[in-house]
N, C-alpha and C. Protein backbone atom coordinates (compact mmCIF):
# COMPACT_ATOMS: atom_id res chain seq x y z
N MET A 1 -38.53 -44.67 -24.61
CA MET A 1 -37.93 -43.97 -25.74
C MET A 1 -37.17 -42.75 -25.20
N PRO A 2 -35.83 -42.82 -25.21
CA PRO A 2 -35.03 -41.72 -24.67
C PRO A 2 -35.05 -40.50 -25.58
N GLY A 3 -34.88 -39.35 -24.98
CA GLY A 3 -34.79 -38.12 -25.76
C GLY A 3 -36.12 -37.54 -26.15
N ARG A 4 -37.17 -37.86 -25.39
CA ARG A 4 -38.46 -37.27 -25.72
C ARG A 4 -38.40 -35.76 -25.49
N PRO A 5 -39.07 -34.99 -26.29
CA PRO A 5 -39.04 -33.52 -26.14
C PRO A 5 -39.52 -33.06 -24.77
N VAL A 6 -40.47 -33.76 -24.18
CA VAL A 6 -40.99 -33.37 -22.87
C VAL A 6 -39.90 -33.50 -21.81
N ASP A 7 -39.09 -34.56 -21.90
CA ASP A 7 -38.01 -34.76 -20.94
C ASP A 7 -36.96 -33.65 -21.06
N MET A 8 -36.65 -33.27 -22.27
CA MET A 8 -35.66 -32.23 -22.48
C MET A 8 -36.15 -30.88 -21.96
N VAL A 9 -37.40 -30.57 -22.18
CA VAL A 9 -37.96 -29.31 -21.70
C VAL A 9 -37.97 -29.30 -20.18
N LEU A 10 -38.31 -30.41 -19.57
CA LEU A 10 -38.31 -30.51 -18.12
C LEU A 10 -36.90 -30.35 -17.56
N LEU A 11 -35.94 -30.99 -18.19
CA LEU A 11 -34.56 -30.87 -17.76
C LEU A 11 -34.06 -29.43 -17.89
N LEU A 12 -34.34 -28.80 -19.01
CA LEU A 12 -33.94 -27.40 -19.18
C LEU A 12 -34.68 -26.48 -18.22
N GLY A 13 -35.93 -26.78 -17.95
CA GLY A 13 -36.72 -25.97 -17.02
C GLY A 13 -36.18 -26.03 -15.60
N LEU A 14 -35.58 -27.13 -15.23
CA LEU A 14 -34.99 -27.26 -13.90
C LEU A 14 -33.55 -26.76 -13.86
N ALA A 15 -32.79 -26.98 -14.91
CA ALA A 15 -31.38 -26.63 -14.92
C ALA A 15 -31.15 -25.12 -15.13
N PHE A 16 -31.98 -24.49 -15.92
CA PHE A 16 -31.77 -23.08 -16.25
C PHE A 16 -31.80 -22.18 -15.02
N PRO A 17 -32.79 -22.30 -14.12
CA PRO A 17 -32.77 -21.44 -12.92
C PRO A 17 -31.54 -21.70 -12.03
N LEU A 18 -31.12 -22.95 -11.95
CA LEU A 18 -29.94 -23.25 -11.15
C LEU A 18 -28.68 -22.64 -11.76
N LEU A 19 -28.58 -22.66 -13.06
CA LEU A 19 -27.46 -22.02 -13.74
C LEU A 19 -27.47 -20.51 -13.53
N LEU A 20 -28.64 -19.91 -13.59
CA LEU A 20 -28.75 -18.46 -13.34
C LEU A 20 -28.36 -18.12 -11.90
N LEU A 21 -28.77 -18.94 -10.95
CA LEU A 21 -28.42 -18.71 -9.56
C LEU A 21 -26.91 -18.82 -9.37
N GLY A 22 -26.31 -19.82 -9.97
CA GLY A 22 -24.85 -19.97 -9.89
C GLY A 22 -24.13 -18.77 -10.50
N LEU A 23 -24.58 -18.31 -11.64
CA LEU A 23 -23.98 -17.14 -12.28
C LEU A 23 -24.13 -15.90 -11.41
N ALA A 24 -25.29 -15.73 -10.79
CA ALA A 24 -25.50 -14.57 -9.92
C ALA A 24 -24.55 -14.61 -8.72
N LEU A 25 -24.32 -15.78 -8.15
CA LEU A 25 -23.41 -15.91 -7.01
C LEU A 25 -21.97 -15.60 -7.42
N VAL A 26 -21.56 -16.06 -8.58
CA VAL A 26 -20.21 -15.78 -9.07
C VAL A 26 -20.05 -14.29 -9.34
N MET A 27 -21.03 -13.68 -9.95
CA MET A 27 -20.95 -12.24 -10.25
C MET A 27 -20.93 -11.41 -8.96
N GLN A 28 -21.65 -11.85 -7.93
CA GLN A 28 -21.63 -11.13 -6.66
C GLN A 28 -20.23 -11.17 -6.05
N ARG A 29 -19.58 -12.31 -6.12
CA ARG A 29 -18.23 -12.43 -5.58
C ARG A 29 -17.25 -11.54 -6.36
N VAL A 30 -17.40 -11.49 -7.67
CA VAL A 30 -16.53 -10.64 -8.49
C VAL A 30 -16.78 -9.17 -8.15
N GLU A 31 -18.03 -8.80 -7.99
CA GLU A 31 -18.38 -7.41 -7.70
C GLU A 31 -17.83 -6.98 -6.34
N GLN A 32 -17.81 -7.86 -5.34
CA GLN A 32 -17.27 -7.50 -4.03
C GLN A 32 -15.79 -7.14 -4.15
N GLY A 33 -15.06 -7.86 -4.97
CA GLY A 33 -13.65 -7.54 -5.16
C GLY A 33 -13.45 -6.22 -5.87
N LEU A 34 -14.35 -5.87 -6.74
CA LEU A 34 -14.22 -4.62 -7.49
C LEU A 34 -14.65 -3.40 -6.69
N THR A 35 -15.55 -3.59 -5.74
CA THR A 35 -16.05 -2.44 -4.99
C THR A 35 -15.33 -2.24 -3.67
N ALA A 36 -14.30 -3.02 -3.38
CA ALA A 36 -13.54 -2.84 -2.15
C ALA A 36 -12.86 -1.47 -2.18
N ASP A 37 -12.75 -0.85 -1.03
CA ASP A 37 -12.19 0.49 -0.94
C ASP A 37 -10.66 0.43 -1.07
N PRO A 38 -10.12 0.86 -2.21
CA PRO A 38 -8.67 0.77 -2.39
C PRO A 38 -7.90 1.84 -1.60
N THR A 39 -8.59 2.85 -1.09
CA THR A 39 -7.89 3.91 -0.38
C THR A 39 -7.72 3.62 1.10
N ALA A 40 -8.33 2.56 1.61
CA ALA A 40 -8.22 2.25 3.04
C ALA A 40 -6.78 1.97 3.42
N ASP A 41 -6.08 1.16 2.63
CA ASP A 41 -4.67 0.88 2.92
C ASP A 41 -3.83 2.14 2.80
N LEU A 42 -4.12 2.96 1.82
CA LEU A 42 -3.35 4.18 1.62
C LEU A 42 -3.52 5.13 2.79
N GLU A 43 -4.75 5.28 3.30
CA GLU A 43 -4.98 6.17 4.44
C GLU A 43 -4.22 5.69 5.67
N THR A 44 -4.27 4.40 5.94
CA THR A 44 -3.54 3.85 7.08
C THR A 44 -2.05 4.03 6.90
N PHE A 45 -1.59 3.78 5.70
CA PHE A 45 -0.17 3.93 5.41
C PHE A 45 0.29 5.36 5.63
N LEU A 46 -0.43 6.31 5.07
CA LEU A 46 -0.02 7.71 5.18
C LEU A 46 -0.11 8.22 6.61
N ALA A 47 -1.00 7.67 7.40
CA ALA A 47 -1.15 8.13 8.78
C ALA A 47 -0.02 7.65 9.68
N THR A 48 0.58 6.49 9.37
CA THR A 48 1.57 5.92 10.29
C THR A 48 2.93 5.66 9.66
N ALA A 49 3.14 6.06 8.43
CA ALA A 49 4.42 5.78 7.75
C ALA A 49 5.51 6.74 8.22
N ARG A 50 6.74 6.23 8.16
CA ARG A 50 7.91 7.06 8.48
C ARG A 50 8.32 7.83 7.23
N PRO A 51 9.16 8.85 7.38
CA PRO A 51 9.56 9.66 6.22
C PRO A 51 10.22 8.85 5.09
N ASP A 52 11.04 7.85 5.44
CA ASP A 52 11.68 7.07 4.37
C ASP A 52 10.65 6.23 3.61
N GLU A 53 9.58 5.81 4.28
CA GLU A 53 8.52 5.06 3.59
C GLU A 53 7.69 5.97 2.69
N ILE A 54 7.49 7.20 3.14
CA ILE A 54 6.80 8.18 2.29
C ILE A 54 7.64 8.47 1.05
N GLU A 55 8.96 8.59 1.23
CA GLU A 55 9.86 8.82 0.10
C GLU A 55 9.81 7.66 -0.88
N ALA A 56 9.74 6.44 -0.36
CA ALA A 56 9.63 5.27 -1.24
C ALA A 56 8.31 5.31 -2.00
N TYR A 57 7.25 5.77 -1.33
CA TYR A 57 5.95 5.87 -2.00
C TYR A 57 6.02 6.87 -3.15
N VAL A 58 6.65 8.00 -2.92
CA VAL A 58 6.73 9.03 -3.95
C VAL A 58 7.60 8.57 -5.11
N SER A 59 8.73 7.92 -4.82
CA SER A 59 9.67 7.58 -5.88
C SER A 59 9.36 6.24 -6.57
N GLN A 60 8.83 5.27 -5.82
CA GLN A 60 8.65 3.93 -6.39
C GLN A 60 7.20 3.53 -6.58
N GLY A 61 6.28 4.22 -5.98
CA GLY A 61 4.88 3.86 -6.09
C GLY A 61 4.38 3.22 -4.81
N LEU A 62 3.10 2.92 -4.78
CA LEU A 62 2.46 2.43 -3.57
C LEU A 62 2.88 1.01 -3.21
N GLY A 63 3.03 0.15 -4.18
CA GLY A 63 3.34 -1.26 -3.90
C GLY A 63 4.61 -1.45 -3.10
N PRO A 64 5.76 -0.98 -3.58
CA PRO A 64 6.99 -1.14 -2.81
C PRO A 64 6.96 -0.42 -1.46
N ALA A 65 6.33 0.74 -1.41
CA ALA A 65 6.26 1.46 -0.15
C ALA A 65 5.43 0.69 0.88
N LEU A 66 4.32 0.11 0.45
CA LEU A 66 3.52 -0.69 1.37
C LEU A 66 4.27 -1.94 1.80
N ASP A 67 5.05 -2.53 0.91
CA ASP A 67 5.86 -3.69 1.29
C ASP A 67 6.82 -3.33 2.41
N ARG A 68 7.51 -2.20 2.28
CA ARG A 68 8.44 -1.76 3.33
C ARG A 68 7.69 -1.49 4.63
N TYR A 69 6.53 -0.87 4.52
CA TYR A 69 5.73 -0.54 5.69
C TYR A 69 5.30 -1.81 6.42
N TRP A 70 4.76 -2.80 5.70
CA TRP A 70 4.30 -4.03 6.35
C TRP A 70 5.46 -4.85 6.88
N ARG A 71 6.62 -4.80 6.21
CA ARG A 71 7.81 -5.49 6.74
C ARG A 71 8.20 -4.90 8.09
N ARG A 72 8.20 -3.57 8.20
CA ARG A 72 8.54 -2.90 9.46
C ARG A 72 7.52 -3.26 10.54
N ARG A 73 6.25 -3.29 10.19
CA ARG A 73 5.22 -3.62 11.16
C ARG A 73 5.38 -5.06 11.67
N ARG A 74 5.73 -5.98 10.75
CA ARG A 74 5.93 -7.38 11.16
C ARG A 74 7.13 -7.50 12.09
N ARG A 75 8.23 -6.81 11.77
CA ARG A 75 9.42 -6.85 12.63
C ARG A 75 9.08 -6.31 14.02
N ARG A 76 8.35 -5.23 14.05
CA ARG A 76 7.96 -4.62 15.33
C ARG A 76 7.07 -5.57 16.13
N ALA A 77 6.13 -6.21 15.47
CA ALA A 77 5.24 -7.14 16.16
C ALA A 77 6.02 -8.34 16.70
N ARG A 78 7.00 -8.82 15.94
CA ARG A 78 7.82 -9.94 16.42
C ARG A 78 8.62 -9.54 17.64
N ARG A 79 9.18 -8.32 17.61
CA ARG A 79 9.96 -7.85 18.76
C ARG A 79 9.08 -7.73 20.00
N LEU A 80 7.86 -7.26 19.82
CA LEU A 80 6.97 -7.09 20.97
C LEU A 80 6.54 -8.43 21.55
N THR A 81 6.39 -9.44 20.71
CA THR A 81 5.97 -10.74 21.22
C THR A 81 7.11 -11.53 21.83
N ARG A 82 8.35 -11.18 21.54
CA ARG A 82 9.50 -11.89 22.10
C ARG A 82 9.89 -11.40 23.48
N ARG A 83 9.42 -10.25 23.90
CA ARG A 83 9.81 -9.70 25.20
C ARG A 83 9.36 -10.63 26.31
N PRO A 84 10.28 -10.93 27.24
CA PRO A 84 9.87 -11.78 28.38
C PRO A 84 9.01 -11.00 29.35
N ASP A 85 8.11 -11.70 29.99
CA ASP A 85 7.24 -11.07 30.97
C ASP A 85 8.01 -10.82 32.26
N PRO A 86 7.93 -9.62 32.79
CA PRO A 86 8.61 -9.35 34.07
C PRO A 86 7.83 -10.04 35.19
N ALA A 87 8.43 -11.09 35.73
CA ALA A 87 7.72 -11.83 36.78
C ALA A 87 8.43 -11.76 38.09
């Protein structure tokens, strides 16, 4: 006879803790994103940015200024990796 109350209680008794564990794992992942230090990028940026990048930060905000900063860093890294080895 399907659907006996004992079967349903057993199923809920096993599924409920697993659902709680899954929810706790999801909430932990969400919390890690919320507690990340947002000033770490800003500190690095302000320590190594050029005056025109600082001006972009003041006039346009952090997003565009960081874009310019990371673009410059990528160009510099590409130039450094292209140099031939003096052999």
